[in-house]
Amino acid sequence: MEYHSILEKQIRKFLTSDYQENEELKNLLDTISKSYHAFDRDKKIADHAFEISEKEYQSVNADLQAQIDIRKSSIIKLKDAIRALDPTEANNFNGKDEDLINIINFLEIQIIKTKQLEVDLILAKETAEKASRAKSEFLSIMSHEIRTPLNAIIGTNNLLHYQDPLPSQKELLNVMKISSENLLSLINDVLDYGKLEEGKIILAERDMNLKSFVKNLRAAHRLRSEERGNNLRLMYDDDIPDFVIGDDIRLGQVLNNLISNAIKFTKKGVITIEVLLNSITDDHVYIDFAIIDTGIGISADKQGMIFDRFTQANTNITREYGGSGLGLTIIKLLLQLQNSDIYLSSEEGKGSKFYFTLGFKKSTTSLQDENIKILNSESPNLGNIHILLVEDVEFNVMVAEKMLQNWKATVDVANNGLIAVEKAKENKYDIILMDLQMPVMDGYTATRKIREFNESTPIIALTASITMDIQGRAMEFGMNDCITKPFNPNDLLAVILKYSKPA
């Protein structure tokens, strides 16, 4: 038998060759050899296990070190974030392991604070929304309360002009007319600014004869311009199409403001309304507008601030010339709403030029419009038109009734919505002029009830309120159009002509 190598060496060294004859000795040597082989086997297994354990230990140790590094990096980043949130709190942390617990405690506190802040913000938002609604309601109420008597003043003034007053009386009537229009302009500025701030202005799209439109603007301002010794000129590009589609009311608001300012700040000078074609595309017409004056001008250091609300170029402007300081702000906001902007070129003592470019959709309307001729007639004839006027304020009834009768219309009056419903059942009307805020039954409810048995008669809303949802709500209840009081006689006439056929 072959013994373990170590045992073989010991046998050769200490035993003689006759040991193989001794069976007991051979058995002993076999046992010892097997023990040596078992020891070697166990040693190899142990070495192999140790080698594997060492590798696993090194891997685990490396992973642990990486986790420690990530932990340290995370703590550093958390401290940086905490320092950004609260610089004083980060100084309370040290480099020890318990920092992580302190950081977690700090973050828990911040989460609680954030949740509380979120609750506070929601509450603040709700409060702001309530305040905004209260402001809108206040503006609506004040608009109605101010415009109702103003409607009577302006309407009475228009009626007196129809009665061929004496020259001395005309002068007094003109003073009252200008004063009432200035007051109306101020009210409109304040209310429009509120609506623009809230983003509640919706632009209309109507066909407009731009040339006639700007000519009428010039005619409307010519008298006041001549009173200040100014020459009011119009330069109009005949290459501009006869009709374009846009919001004539907002364009008029912009141009009226600019022309009024030019007249106000110019004396014995020249004011030019310039309307030039910029470009034409497949769908749009782009037109350059400019109002140029030779008035007092604006110094370079003041030109930026005049577009801020309630701001004039200097403190003497309001005292000497009047004005709310809202006009240019509203112009800027209105133009921005139409993807445009207002620009200024001016030199103190040498006049100013306000200019902008506006895009309009192309129109297919022809130049011939029969209603325009009738509207411009000095004595419109509504002789075969039967009108129901629904209005509860006595002065407004008197003004509107006389105005309609001057145009030879037949007028029935209802003092509230309930009477209007009964009259609409008993008579056939060509048009119904419906006030919205009335006792007993308001205009909305009356319109809804009338529409239950009459879907064809045009119903026009008359309102002294100008909150943004008035027109939309009026349409929802079945009305066809809306006129804001105090109304211009031509505006009222235009609406009547639009929805009926005069003789």
Protein backbone atom coordinates (compact mmCIF):
# COMPACT_ATOMS: atom_id res chain seq x y z
CA MET A 1 0.00 0.00 0.00
CA GLU A 2 1.16 3.52 -0.79
CA TYR A 3 1.32 5.64 2.30
CA HIS A 4 1.07 9.40 2.68
CA SER A 5 4.29 11.09 1.58
CA ILE A 6 5.07 12.40 5.07
CA LEU A 7 4.52 8.92 6.56
CA GLU A 8 6.73 7.33 3.85
CA LYS A 9 9.58 9.60 4.91
CA GLN A 10 9.13 8.64 8.57
CA ILE A 11 9.04 4.90 7.71
CA ARG A 12 12.26 5.07 5.69
CA LYS A 13 13.92 7.00 8.47
CA PHE A 14 12.87 4.96 11.52
CA LEU A 15 11.80 1.45 10.37
CA THR A 16 13.64 -1.50 8.84
CA SER A 17 12.37 -3.34 5.78
CA ASP A 18 10.94 -6.21 7.78
CA TYR A 19 8.12 -4.02 9.19
CA GLN A 20 5.83 -5.33 6.49
CA GLU A 21 5.88 -8.74 8.12
CA ASN A 22 4.21 -7.29 11.21
CA GLU A 23 0.46 -7.09 10.45
CA GLU A 24 -0.38 -5.01 13.50
CA LEU A 25 2.24 -2.47 12.54
CA LYS A 26 0.96 -2.36 8.97
CA ASN A 27 -2.58 -1.72 10.20
CA LEU A 28 -1.30 1.10 12.37
CA LEU A 29 0.60 2.60 9.47
CA ASP A 30 -2.52 2.33 7.26
CA THR A 31 -4.57 4.18 9.86
CA ILE A 32 -1.92 6.91 10.25
CA SER A 33 -1.68 7.32 6.44
CA LYS A 34 -5.46 7.65 6.16
CA SER A 35 -5.36 10.32 8.90
CA TYR A 36 -2.73 12.27 6.97
CA HIS A 37 -4.80 12.06 3.77
CA ALA A 38 -7.93 13.15 5.65
CA PHE A 39 -6.01 16.07 7.16
CA ASP A 40 -4.80 17.18 3.71
CA ARG A 41 -8.32 16.93 2.33
CA ASP A 42 -9.77 18.93 5.21
CA LYS A 43 -7.02 21.49 4.86
CA LYS A 44 -7.75 21.98 1.16
CA ILE A 45 -11.45 22.33 1.91
CA ALA A 46 -10.69 24.82 4.69
CA ASP A 47 -8.30 26.80 2.50
CA HIS A 48 -10.86 26.89 -0.29
CA ALA A 49 -13.58 27.99 2.12
CA PHE A 50 -11.32 30.67 3.56
CA GLU A 51 -10.46 31.94 0.09
CA ILE A 52 -14.15 32.18 -0.81
CA SER A 53 -14.95 33.86 2.52
CA GLU A 54 -12.17 36.35 2.01
CA LYS A 55 -13.53 37.29 -1.42
CA GLU A 56 -17.05 37.63 -0.02
CA TYR A 57 -15.69 39.67 2.87
CA GLN A 58 -13.87 42.00 0.51
CA SER A 59 -17.02 42.37 -1.62
CA VAL A 60 -19.23 43.04 1.40
CA ASN A 61 -16.65 45.44 2.77
CA ALA A 62 -16.50 47.29 -0.55
CA ASP A 63 -20.32 47.50 -0.66
CA LEU A 64 -20.40 48.73 2.90
CA GLN A 65 -17.78 51.37 2.16
CA ALA A 66 -19.78 52.50 -0.90
CA GLN A 67 -22.90 52.77 1.23
CA ILE A 68 -20.98 54.76 3.82
CA ASP A 69 -19.73 57.09 1.07
CA ILE A 70 -23.27 57.49 -0.32
CA ARG A 71 -24.56 58.15 3.19
CA LYS A 72 -21.90 60.79 3.80
CA SER A 73 -22.57 62.38 0.39
CA SER A 74 -26.31 62.33 1.08
CA ILE A 75 -25.82 63.96 4.47
CA ILE A 76 -23.66 66.68 2.87
CA LYS A 77 -26.29 67.32 0.19
CA LEU A 78 -29.07 67.33 2.79
CA LYS A 79 -27.08 69.85 4.82
CA ASP A 80 -26.62 72.01 1.73
CA ALA A 81 -30.37 71.85 1.05
CA ILE A 82 -31.12 72.64 4.70
CA ARG A 83 -28.65 75.52 4.60
CA ALA A 84 -30.53 76.90 1.59
CA LEU A 85 -33.83 76.58 3.48
CA ASP A 86 -32.55 77.75 6.84
CA PRO A 87 -28.90 78.87 7.07
CA THR A 88 -28.98 79.00 10.89
CA GLU A 89 -30.26 75.42 11.28
CA ALA A 90 -27.35 73.86 9.32
CA ASN A 91 -24.86 75.20 11.88
CA ASN A 92 -26.42 72.94 14.53
CA PHE A 93 -25.28 69.78 12.71
CA ASN A 94 -21.83 68.15 13.19
CA GLY A 95 -20.01 65.34 11.43
CA LYS A 96 -21.24 62.56 13.70
CA ASP A 97 -23.57 59.73 12.76
CA GLU A 98 -26.42 61.10 14.80
CA ASP A 99 -26.56 64.03 12.35
CA LEU A 100 -28.75 61.88 10.12
CA ILE A 101 -31.35 61.59 12.86
CA ASN A 102 -31.20 65.36 13.43
CA ILE A 103 -31.57 65.97 9.70
CA ILE A 104 -34.56 63.62 9.50
CA ASN A 105 -36.15 65.42 12.46
CA PHE A 106 -35.51 68.76 10.77
CA LEU A 107 -37.06 67.53 7.49
CA GLU A 108 -40.10 66.21 9.34
CA ILE A 109 -40.58 69.67 10.84
CA GLN A 110 -40.19 71.24 7.39
CA ILE A 111 -42.77 68.85 5.91
CA ILE A 112 -45.22 69.82 8.64
CA LYS A 113 -44.51 73.50 7.95
CA THR A 114 -44.92 72.95 4.20
CA LYS A 115 -48.27 71.25 4.69
CA GLN A 116 -49.39 74.11 6.90
CA LEU A 117 -48.15 76.59 4.30
CA GLU A 118 -50.14 74.72 1.64
CA VAL A 119 -53.26 74.99 3.80
CA ASP A 120 -52.56 78.71 4.33
CA LEU A 121 -52.04 79.23 0.58
CA ILE A 122 -55.33 77.49 -0.26
CA LEU A 123 -57.07 79.67 2.31
CA ALA A 124 -55.36 82.79 0.90
CA LYS A 125 -56.39 81.77 -2.64
CA GLU A 126 -59.99 81.30 -1.56
CA THR A 127 -59.89 84.66 0.23
CA ALA A 128 -58.42 86.33 -2.87
CA GLU A 129 -61.10 84.77 -5.07
CA LYS A 130 -63.80 85.99 -2.70
CA ALA A 131 -62.23 89.45 -2.75
CA SER A 132 -62.10 89.35 -6.55
CA ARG A 133 -65.77 88.33 -6.73
CA ALA A 134 -66.65 91.05 -4.24
CA LYS A 135 -64.73 93.58 -6.35
CA SER A 136 -66.52 92.45 -9.52
CA GLU A 137 -69.89 92.62 -7.79
CA PHE A 138 -69.04 96.06 -6.38
CA LEU A 139 -67.99 97.29 -9.83
CA SER A 140 -71.17 95.87 -11.33
CA ILE A 141 -73.36 97.55 -8.71
CA MET A 142 -71.48 100.86 -8.92
CA SER A 143 -71.56 100.70 -12.70
CA HIS A 144 -75.33 100.24 -12.62
CA GLU A 145 -75.89 102.94 -10.00
CA ILE A 146 -73.70 105.51 -11.76
CA ARG A 147 -74.73 104.70 -15.32
CA THR A 148 -78.47 104.78 -14.61
CA PRO A 149 -78.61 108.53 -13.81
CA LEU A 150 -75.87 109.20 -16.36
CA ASN A 151 -78.03 107.55 -19.01
CA ALA A 152 -80.83 109.98 -18.16
CA ILE A 153 -78.43 112.96 -18.34
CA ILE A 154 -76.88 111.99 -21.68
CA GLY A 155 -80.22 110.90 -23.13
CA THR A 156 -81.96 114.13 -22.08
CA ASN A 157 -79.10 116.12 -23.58
CA ASN A 158 -79.49 114.27 -26.89
CA LEU A 159 -83.25 114.91 -26.86
CA LEU A 160 -82.71 118.64 -26.24
CA HIS A 161 -80.37 118.76 -29.24
CA TYR A 162 -83.23 117.41 -31.38
CA GLN A 163 -85.45 120.37 -30.36
CA ASP A 164 -83.48 123.12 -32.15
CA PRO A 165 -82.19 124.94 -29.04
CA LEU A 166 -81.05 128.57 -29.16
CA PRO A 167 -77.32 129.18 -29.77
CA SER A 168 -76.83 130.17 -26.12
CA GLN A 169 -78.60 126.98 -25.03
CA LYS A 170 -76.52 124.90 -27.45
CA GLU A 171 -73.37 126.14 -25.73
CA LEU A 172 -74.69 125.05 -22.32
CA LEU A 173 -75.84 121.73 -23.75
CA ASN A 174 -72.39 121.15 -25.26
CA VAL A 175 -70.78 121.80 -21.87
CA MET A 176 -73.13 119.28 -20.28
CA LYS A 177 -72.50 116.81 -23.12
CA ILE A 178 -68.71 117.05 -22.84
CA SER A 179 -68.81 116.82 -19.04
CA SER A 180 -71.09 113.78 -19.05
CA GLU A 181 -68.98 112.09 -21.74
CA ASN A 182 -65.81 112.76 -19.73
CA LEU A 183 -67.47 111.23 -16.67
CA LEU A 184 -68.57 108.21 -18.72
CA SER A 185 -65.06 107.86 -20.13
CA LEU A 186 -63.61 107.87 -16.61
CA ILE A 187 -66.09 105.22 -15.46
CA ASN A 188 -65.30 103.10 -18.51
CA ASP A 189 -61.56 103.40 -17.89
CA VAL A 190 -61.83 102.25 -14.28
CA LEU A 191 -64.16 99.35 -15.08
CA ASP A 192 -62.23 98.28 -18.19
CA TYR A 193 -58.97 98.28 -16.25
CA GLY A 194 -60.54 95.98 -13.67
CA LYS A 195 -61.73 93.61 -16.40
CA LEU A 196 -58.38 93.66 -18.18
CA GLU A 197 -56.55 92.87 -14.93
CA GLU A 198 -58.80 89.84 -14.44
CA GLY A 199 -58.38 88.75 -18.07
CA LYS A 200 -62.13 89.01 -18.68
CA ILE A 201 -62.09 90.96 -21.94
CA ILE A 202 -63.26 88.93 -24.95
CA LEU A 203 -62.66 90.49 -28.35
CA ALA A 204 -65.53 90.62 -30.83
CA GLU A 205 -65.26 89.90 -34.55
CA ARG A 206 -67.43 92.18 -36.68
CA ASP A 207 -67.30 93.54 -40.22
CA MET A 208 -66.18 97.14 -40.20
CA ASN A 209 -65.73 99.74 -42.90
CA LEU A 210 -62.40 101.03 -41.60
CA LYS A 211 -62.38 104.17 -43.74
CA SER A 212 -65.83 105.25 -42.56
CA PHE A 213 -64.88 104.25 -39.03
CA VAL A 214 -61.83 106.55 -38.81
CA LYS A 215 -63.65 109.34 -40.67
CA ASN A 216 -66.38 109.24 -38.04
CA LEU A 217 -63.75 109.31 -35.32
CA ARG A 218 -62.22 112.41 -36.86
CA ALA A 219 -65.64 114.04 -37.18
CA ALA A 220 -66.44 113.26 -33.54
CA HIS A 221 -63.25 114.96 -32.33
CA ARG A 222 -63.10 117.82 -34.82
CA LEU A 223 -65.19 120.29 -32.79
CA ARG A 224 -63.13 119.91 -29.62
CA SER A 225 -59.94 120.04 -31.66
CA GLU A 226 -61.00 123.28 -33.35
CA GLU A 227 -61.96 124.76 -29.97
CA ARG A 228 -58.27 124.44 -29.03
CA GLY A 229 -57.17 125.92 -32.35
CA ASN A 230 -55.94 122.62 -33.76
CA ASN A 231 -56.10 121.26 -37.29
CA LEU A 232 -57.21 117.59 -37.10
CA ARG A 233 -56.05 115.79 -40.25
CA LEU A 234 -56.62 112.26 -41.55
CA MET A 235 -54.14 110.41 -43.76
CA TYR A 236 -55.75 107.20 -45.01
CA ASP A 237 -54.19 104.63 -47.35
CA ASP A 238 -56.69 103.79 -50.13
CA ASP A 239 -54.96 100.44 -50.67
CA ILE A 240 -56.59 99.19 -47.45
CA PRO A 241 -59.55 96.87 -48.23
CA ASP A 242 -63.00 98.44 -47.82
CA PHE A 243 -64.01 96.04 -45.04
CA VAL A 244 -62.04 94.12 -42.41
CA ILE A 245 -63.12 91.93 -39.50
CA GLY A 246 -62.20 93.07 -35.99
CA ASP A 247 -63.42 94.56 -32.73
CA ASP A 248 -64.50 98.07 -33.70
CA ILE A 249 -65.41 98.97 -30.10
CA ARG A 250 -61.93 98.18 -28.75
CA LEU A 251 -60.23 99.83 -31.72
CA GLY A 252 -62.42 102.89 -31.14
CA GLN A 253 -61.46 102.86 -27.47
CA VAL A 254 -57.76 102.85 -28.35
CA LEU A 255 -57.98 105.55 -31.03
CA ASN A 256 -60.41 107.74 -29.07
CA ASN A 257 -58.05 107.72 -26.10
CA LEU A 258 -55.04 108.62 -28.24
CA ILE A 259 -56.87 111.34 -30.20
CA SER A 260 -58.33 112.82 -26.98
CA ASN A 261 -54.85 112.91 -25.43
CA ALA A 262 -53.40 114.55 -28.55
CA ILE A 263 -56.10 117.24 -28.48
CA LYS A 264 -55.74 117.73 -24.73
CA PHE A 265 -51.98 118.28 -24.91
CA THR A 266 -51.91 120.31 -28.15
CA LYS A 267 -52.99 123.92 -28.63
CA LYS A 268 -52.95 125.77 -31.95
CA GLY A 269 -51.15 122.89 -33.58
CA VAL A 270 -51.65 119.98 -35.95
CA ILE A 271 -52.93 116.51 -35.06
CA THR A 272 -52.70 113.75 -37.67
CA ILE A 273 -54.56 110.45 -37.69
CA GLU A 274 -52.47 108.17 -39.89
CA VAL A 275 -53.82 104.83 -41.17
CA LEU A 276 -51.51 102.97 -43.58
CA LEU A 277 -51.44 99.48 -45.07
CA ASN A 278 -48.59 97.41 -43.64
CA SER A 279 -49.08 94.05 -45.39
CA ILE A 280 -51.68 91.56 -46.61
CA THR A 281 -51.55 87.77 -46.24
CA ASP A 282 -53.96 85.07 -47.35
CA ASP A 283 -56.15 85.54 -44.27
CA HIS A 284 -55.18 88.83 -42.63
CA VAL A 285 -54.69 92.52 -43.26
CA TYR A 286 -52.06 94.30 -41.15
CA ILE A 287 -52.53 98.04 -40.72
CA ASP A 288 -50.30 100.70 -39.16
CA PHE A 289 -52.04 103.30 -36.98
CA ALA A 290 -50.40 106.48 -35.70
CA ILE A 291 -51.65 109.56 -33.84
CA ILE A 292 -49.17 112.41 -34.32
CA ASP A 293 -49.39 115.79 -32.59
CA THR A 294 -47.32 118.97 -32.27
CA GLY A 295 -48.16 119.41 -28.57
CA ILE A 296 -46.15 119.61 -25.37
CA GLY A 297 -44.32 116.31 -25.94
CA ILE A 298 -42.88 113.98 -23.34
CA SER A 299 -39.33 114.04 -21.99
CA ALA A 300 -37.23 110.91 -22.57
CA ASP A 301 -37.01 110.05 -18.85
CA LYS A 302 -40.83 110.04 -18.54
CA GLN A 303 -41.70 108.04 -21.66
CA GLY A 304 -41.46 104.64 -19.96
CA MET A 305 -43.60 105.47 -16.94
CA ILE A 306 -46.62 107.00 -18.72
CA PHE A 307 -47.95 103.51 -19.51
CA ASP A 308 -48.13 102.69 -15.78
CA ARG A 309 -51.56 102.94 -14.20
CA PHE A 310 -52.61 106.21 -12.53
CA THR A 311 -49.36 107.81 -13.76
CA GLN A 312 -48.89 111.09 -15.61
CA ALA A 313 -45.68 112.52 -17.03
CA ASN A 314 -45.57 115.02 -14.15
CA THR A 315 -47.71 116.02 -11.18
CA ASN A 316 -49.03 119.15 -12.90
CA ILE A 317 -50.63 117.18 -15.77
CA THR A 318 -53.67 116.01 -13.82
CA ARG A 319 -54.23 119.42 -12.26
CA GLU A 320 -53.85 121.33 -15.55
CA TYR A 321 -55.25 118.89 -18.10
CA GLY A 322 -57.27 116.38 -16.07
CA GLY A 323 -57.46 112.64 -16.64
CA SER A 324 -57.23 109.48 -14.55
CA GLY A 325 -53.87 108.25 -15.80
CA LEU A 326 -55.50 104.99 -16.90
CA GLY A 327 -55.99 105.65 -20.63
CA LEU A 328 -52.54 104.63 -21.89
CA THR A 329 -52.43 101.65 -19.54
CA ILE A 330 -55.72 100.38 -20.95
CA ILE A 331 -54.51 101.03 -24.52
CA LYS A 332 -51.39 98.96 -23.87
CA LEU A 333 -53.37 96.09 -22.31
CA LEU A 334 -55.98 96.12 -25.11
CA LEU A 335 -53.30 95.99 -27.81
CA GLN A 336 -51.39 93.25 -26.02
CA LEU A 337 -54.65 91.31 -25.94
CA GLN A 338 -54.60 91.55 -29.76
CA ASN A 339 -50.92 90.49 -30.05
CA SER A 340 -49.75 94.05 -30.60
CA ASP A 341 -48.17 96.85 -28.57
CA ILE A 342 -48.09 100.64 -28.36
CA TYR A 343 -44.93 102.59 -29.21
CA LEU A 344 -43.98 106.20 -28.57
CA SER A 345 -41.70 108.67 -30.28
CA SER A 346 -41.62 112.07 -28.59
CA GLU A 347 -39.51 115.09 -27.76
CA GLU A 348 -40.41 117.57 -25.08
CA GLY A 349 -41.89 120.72 -26.57
CA LYS A 350 -42.04 119.24 -30.09
CA GLY A 351 -44.95 116.82 -29.97
CA SER A 352 -45.54 113.08 -29.78
CA LYS A 353 -46.26 110.12 -32.02
CA PHE A 354 -48.09 107.09 -30.64
CA TYR A 355 -48.18 104.21 -33.10
CA PHE A 356 -49.05 100.51 -33.35
CA THR A 357 -49.76 97.77 -35.91
CA LEU A 358 -52.94 95.73 -35.75
CA GLY A 359 -53.98 92.61 -37.65
CA PHE A 360 -57.52 92.12 -38.96
CA LYS A 361 -59.14 89.13 -40.61
CA LYS A 362 -60.12 89.58 -44.23
CA SER A 363 -63.78 90.28 -44.96
CA THR A 364 -65.97 89.37 -47.91
CA THR A 365 -68.49 92.17 -47.20
CA SER A 366 -69.16 94.60 -50.05
CA LEU A 367 -68.94 98.35 -49.71
CA GLN A 368 -72.66 98.84 -50.28
CA ASP A 369 -74.59 98.66 -47.03
CA GLU A 370 -78.08 100.08 -46.98
CA ASN A 371 -78.19 100.35 -43.20
CA ILE A 372 -75.19 102.67 -43.16
CA LYS A 373 -77.08 105.20 -45.26
CA ILE A 374 -80.09 104.99 -42.98
CA LEU A 375 -77.93 105.20 -39.88
CA ASN A 376 -76.28 108.37 -41.14
CA SER A 377 -79.63 109.93 -42.00
CA GLU A 378 -80.56 112.98 -39.92
CA SER A 379 -84.18 111.80 -39.65
CA PRO A 380 -84.35 107.99 -39.54
CA ASN A 381 -87.83 106.61 -40.15
CA LEU A 382 -88.96 103.69 -37.98
CA GLY A 383 -92.61 104.34 -38.80
CA ASN A 384 -93.70 100.73 -39.21
CA ILE A 385 -91.73 99.32 -36.26
CA HIS A 386 -93.57 98.37 -33.06
CA ILE A 387 -91.20 98.31 -30.07
CA LEU A 388 -91.72 97.07 -26.51
CA LEU A 389 -89.53 99.03 -24.08
CA VAL A 390 -89.06 97.18 -20.77
CA GLU A 391 -87.56 99.57 -18.19
CA ASP A 392 -88.33 100.39 -14.56
CA VAL A 393 -86.46 103.72 -14.13
CA GLU A 394 -88.79 106.60 -15.01
CA PHE A 395 -86.11 108.91 -16.41
CA ASN A 396 -84.71 106.14 -18.63
CA VAL A 397 -88.20 105.35 -19.90
CA MET A 398 -88.77 109.01 -20.75
CA VAL A 399 -85.44 109.36 -22.59
CA ALA A 400 -85.68 106.12 -24.58
CA GLU A 401 -89.38 106.58 -25.38
CA LYS A 402 -88.92 110.12 -26.70
CA MET A 403 -85.86 109.07 -28.70
CA LEU A 404 -87.77 106.22 -30.33
CA GLN A 405 -90.80 108.42 -30.96
CA ASN A 406 -88.55 111.03 -32.64
CA TRP A 407 -87.70 108.23 -35.08
CA LYS A 408 -91.47 107.69 -35.57
CA ALA A 409 -91.50 104.25 -33.94
CA THR A 410 -94.55 102.96 -32.04
CA VAL A 411 -93.54 102.30 -28.43
CA ASP A 412 -95.22 100.33 -25.64
CA VAL A 413 -93.73 100.47 -22.13
CA ALA A 414 -93.54 97.76 -19.48
CA ASN A 415 -92.20 98.70 -16.05
CA ASN A 416 -91.07 95.19 -15.11
CA GLY A 417 -90.52 91.75 -16.61
CA LEU A 418 -93.90 90.35 -15.57
CA ILE A 419 -95.78 93.10 -17.44
CA ALA A 420 -93.46 92.58 -20.41
CA VAL A 421 -94.38 88.88 -20.62
CA GLU A 422 -98.11 89.72 -20.60
CA LYS A 423 -97.70 92.43 -23.26
CA ALA A 424 -95.63 90.07 -25.44
CA LYS A 425 -98.48 87.53 -25.26
CA GLU A 426 -101.11 90.14 -26.20
CA ASN A 427 -99.22 92.00 -28.96
CA LYS A 428 -96.86 91.33 -31.84
CA TYR A 429 -93.66 93.39 -31.57
CA ASP A 430 -90.88 93.87 -34.09
CA ILE A 431 -88.29 94.21 -31.34
CA ILE A 432 -88.15 94.15 -27.53
CA LEU A 433 -85.68 96.34 -25.60
CA MET A 434 -85.23 94.56 -22.25
CA ASP A 435 -83.64 96.06 -19.13
CA LEU A 436 -81.96 93.37 -17.01
CA GLN A 437 -82.28 94.58 -13.42
CA MET A 438 -85.90 95.25 -12.50
CA PRO A 439 -88.24 94.60 -9.56
CA VAL A 440 -90.97 91.91 -9.61
CA MET A 441 -89.30 90.02 -12.49
CA ASP A 442 -85.83 90.69 -13.96
CA GLY A 443 -85.02 90.78 -17.66
CA TYR A 444 -83.42 87.33 -17.72
CA THR A 445 -86.50 85.58 -16.34
CA ALA A 446 -88.84 87.62 -18.55
CA THR A 447 -86.84 86.68 -21.65
CA ARG A 448 -86.89 82.99 -20.74
CA LYS A 449 -90.68 83.08 -20.29
CA ILE A 450 -91.20 84.98 -23.56
CA ARG A 451 -89.07 82.42 -25.40
CA GLU A 452 -91.46 79.68 -24.22
CA PHE A 453 -94.12 81.02 -26.60
CA ASN A 454 -92.17 83.36 -28.92
CA GLU A 455 -88.80 82.36 -30.36
CA SER A 456 -88.62 84.84 -33.25
CA THR A 457 -88.99 88.40 -31.87
CA PRO A 458 -85.52 89.94 -31.35
CA ILE A 459 -84.86 90.79 -27.70
CA ILE A 460 -82.08 93.30 -26.99
CA ALA A 461 -80.63 93.56 -23.49
CA LEU A 462 -80.28 97.04 -21.99
CA THR A 463 -77.90 97.10 -19.06
CA ALA A 464 -76.01 99.63 -16.99
CA SER A 465 -73.68 96.89 -15.72
CA ILE A 466 -70.61 95.87 -17.71
CA THR A 467 -69.31 92.77 -16.03
CA MET A 468 -67.91 90.34 -18.56
CA ASP A 469 -70.51 87.64 -18.13
CA ILE A 470 -73.51 89.94 -18.83
CA GLN A 471 -73.54 89.43 -22.60
CA GLY A 472 -72.90 85.69 -22.39
CA ARG A 473 -75.63 85.25 -19.78
CA ALA A 474 -78.05 87.34 -21.84
CA MET A 475 -77.47 85.06 -24.84
CA GLU A 476 -77.98 81.96 -22.68
CA PHE A 477 -81.44 83.23 -21.69
CA GLY A 478 -82.41 83.79 -25.34
CA MET A 479 -81.52 87.43 -26.01
CA ASN A 480 -80.12 88.43 -29.40
CA ASP A 481 -77.82 91.32 -28.53
CA CYS A 482 -76.76 93.69 -25.77
CA ILE A 483 -76.51 97.50 -25.46
CA THR A 484 -74.74 99.17 -22.56
CA LYS A 485 -76.32 102.22 -20.95
CA PRO A 486 -75.85 105.11 -21.38
CA PHE A 487 -76.10 104.28 -25.07
CA ASN A 488 -75.29 106.44 -28.05
CA PRO A 489 -78.46 107.10 -30.11
CA ASN A 490 -76.68 105.83 -33.23
CA ASP A 491 -75.78 102.58 -31.46
CA LEU A 492 -79.41 102.04 -30.45
CA LEU A 493 -80.59 102.87 -33.96
CA ALA A 494 -78.02 100.53 -35.51
CA VAL A 495 -79.22 97.61 -33.38
CA ILE A 496 -82.89 98.30 -34.20
CA LEU A 497 -82.05 98.46 -37.92
CA LYS A 498 -80.03 95.26 -37.66
CA TYR A 499 -82.91 93.23 -36.24
CA SER A 500 -85.89 94.84 -38.02
CA LYS A 501 -86.96 96.31 -41.34
CA PRO A 502 -87.86 100.02 -41.24
CA ALA A 503 -90.28 101.64 -43.66
